[in-house]
Amino acid sequence: MTTAIDLGGATGVPLAHRILRFPLTRIVLALVFFMVPFLLIQAGATHFFEEKLFSRLGQFFGACMGCLSYAFYVVKIEKRAVSELALPGALREYSAGFVLGGLMVCLSVAAIAAFGGVRTLSLASGSVIALPLLMHITVGLIEEMAMRGIFFRVLQESVGSWLALLASGLVFGAMHMINDNISVLAIANIALAGVFFAAAFLLTGRLWLCAALHAGWNFFQDGVFSLAVSGHEVKAGLLVTELSGPDWLTGGAFGIEGSAVDLVLVALATTAMVMLAQRRGRMVPPTWRR
């Protein structure tokens, strides 16, 4: 369970310390320490390397440096152990999460195919998966560090797990409202996914499971099934597939994340993850109930 930090304004505590303990201040500072190194290194990699593989490697390196910068902030300013990035057992959690995320996409595609909404056209060379794999591992790490490792974790310490789960889903859904080909089903699906990833973080108290779920989910859509990810441009993956049928079934141009079939699957997975976290006693009450 994450370490709680006293947020109260006890008599005698300097104003500067109270400001640093305030949840919004901690979220902003943590995001700055994490995102600035990543953005700088990503900009340099994009500028100096025309080869996509090297620029993707630069982005991944930037994400790793962002995590180290964030760890420095936690140790030096918050003065606590960086339990959310603890390494023992990380490979096990990441492997399990990546497989589960991929399996969920496979189940969703299979269910849509059973209704005649997906068909496979051809099989591409296995080498096409390298770039999307690296990209989605990086994206999963960045988005989950920002949304779950920072936003959800800090908010949970103040308002408790239930409200933090809700906020995680709403903010995650709102972040995708500017994506191309967005729909009501797509927003609901992504908001539920935000709760799902937050519940995965809640279950372990660490980043690895939720980051891997996110990476596996996106990679299998893009790198394996050649489907649009959250409305982005379709790219060639391992299996060249085609969606056909009503948008409520296939998700249309947004991809399967806009499908009612996928919405049901994500809702079931989210419910199971939240119940598992609750059964293991991971739910944190709000400060006013402690």
Foldseek 3Di string as FASTA:
>chain_A
DDDFDDQDDDPPDDPVLNQCSDQVNQLVVLCCQQVVQLVVQLVVQVVPDPDLVSSLVSNLVSNVNSVVSSQCCCCPPVNDHLVQADDVCLVVLLVVLLVVLQVLLVVLQVVLVVVVFKDFDDFDDQVQLVNLLSNLLSVLSSVLCSLQVRQLVSVCSAAWNPVSLQVQLQVQLVVLPPAPPDDPLLSLLRSLLSSLLNLSCLQRVYRNNSSSSRSSNVSCQAAPAQWAAQLDDGDDHRTDMGTDDDCCSQVPSRGNSSHPSSSVSSNVSSVVSNVSSVVVVSITHHPVVD
